[in-house]
Amino acid sequence: MAEIKANEVYTTAETEKLLKVSNSTVKRMLKSGLLRANKIGKQYRIMGHEILRLLSPELDKKATDAYQTIKQSTREKVKGW
């Protein structure tokens, strides 16, 4: 399986291959909101972070919590500057 990079942008065809599902399944996930994407013209673009969130919600939550902790810590440090 190819590595999914969080900051990479994927097409629906690439997402199908990564998730090993059909085109109609990806479209259903997009319509139901299970998979979030941006529509550029007539095509969808999906962030790697969204694919990772779909595959492993626990890992995504840990990464988001760590990011928020660092963000808050940085805000506190630069507050008095």
Protein backbone atom coordinates (compact mmCIF):
# COMPACT_ATOMS: atom_id res chain seq x y z
CA MET A 1 0.00 0.00 0.00
CA ALA A 2 1.24 3.46 -0.83
CA GLU A 3 1.98 5.93 1.93
CA ILE A 4 -0.76 8.48 2.54
CA LYS A 5 0.72 11.90 3.24
CA ALA A 6 -1.41 14.18 5.41
CA ASN A 7 -0.64 17.38 3.47
CA GLU A 8 -0.94 15.81 0.02
CA VAL A 9 -3.98 16.48 -2.19
CA TYR A 10 -5.61 13.44 -3.80
CA THR A 11 -8.16 13.01 -6.59
CA THR A 12 -11.12 10.67 -6.25
CA ALA A 13 -9.35 8.13 -8.50
CA GLU A 14 -6.27 8.17 -6.25
CA THR A 15 -8.49 7.88 -3.19
CA GLU A 16 -10.23 4.85 -4.70
CA LYS A 17 -6.88 3.12 -5.15
CA LEU A 18 -5.67 4.02 -1.66
CA LEU A 19 -8.87 2.83 0.04
CA LYS A 20 -9.39 -0.06 -2.41
CA VAL A 21 -13.03 0.85 -2.99
CA SER A 22 -15.10 1.64 -6.08
CA ASN A 23 -15.81 5.07 -7.57
CA SER A 24 -19.43 4.90 -6.44
CA THR A 25 -18.34 4.15 -2.86
CA VAL A 26 -16.08 7.23 -2.80
CA LYS A 27 -18.94 9.35 -4.16
CA ARG A 28 -21.30 8.00 -1.47
CA MET A 29 -18.74 8.81 1.23
CA LEU A 30 -18.42 12.36 -0.15
CA LYS A 31 -22.19 12.91 -0.33
CA SER A 32 -22.79 11.52 3.17
CA GLY A 33 -20.01 13.68 4.65
CA LEU A 34 -18.00 10.68 5.80
CA LEU A 35 -15.16 11.94 3.62
CA ARG A 36 -14.69 15.69 3.32
CA ALA A 37 -13.35 17.28 0.14
CA ASN A 38 -13.18 20.51 -1.81
CA LYS A 39 -14.75 20.76 -5.22
CA ILE A 40 -12.56 22.40 -7.85
CA GLY A 41 -14.62 22.94 -10.98
CA LYS A 42 -16.34 19.61 -11.48
CA GLN A 43 -13.74 17.55 -9.63
CA TYR A 44 -13.20 16.78 -5.96
CA ARG A 45 -9.87 17.15 -4.20
CA ILE A 46 -9.34 15.25 -0.96
CA MET A 47 -6.65 16.03 1.60
CA GLY A 48 -4.57 13.12 2.81
CA HIS A 49 -5.48 14.12 6.36
CA GLU A 50 -9.12 13.30 5.58
CA ILE A 51 -8.22 9.85 4.28
CA LEU A 52 -6.12 9.18 7.37
CA ARG A 53 -8.98 10.39 9.59
CA LEU A 54 -11.29 7.93 7.87
CA LEU A 55 -8.86 5.03 8.29
CA SER A 56 -7.79 5.72 11.86
CA PRO A 57 -9.93 8.17 13.86
CA GLU A 58 -8.02 7.43 17.09
CA LEU A 59 -4.69 8.36 15.54
CA ASP A 60 -6.23 11.50 14.04
CA LYS A 61 -7.59 12.53 17.44
CA LYS A 62 -4.17 12.05 19.08
CA ALA A 63 -2.47 14.11 16.38
CA THR A 64 -5.09 16.86 16.61
CA ASP A 65 -4.83 16.98 20.41
CA ALA A 66 -1.03 17.21 20.24
CA TYR A 67 -1.28 20.01 17.67
CA GLN A 68 -3.77 21.95 19.81
CA THR A 69 -1.54 21.58 22.89
CA ILE A 70 1.48 22.93 21.02
CA LYS A 71 -0.61 25.73 19.52
CA GLN A 72 -1.91 26.81 22.93
CA SER A 73 1.57 26.63 24.45
CA THR A 74 2.95 28.82 21.64
CA ARG A 75 0.16 31.35 22.10
CA GLU A 76 0.97 31.62 25.80
CA LYS A 77 4.68 32.12 25.13
CA VAL A 78 4.22 34.89 22.54
CA LYS A 79 1.38 36.62 24.39
CA GLY A 80 3.69 39.04 26.17
CA TRP A 81 5.87 39.90 23.16
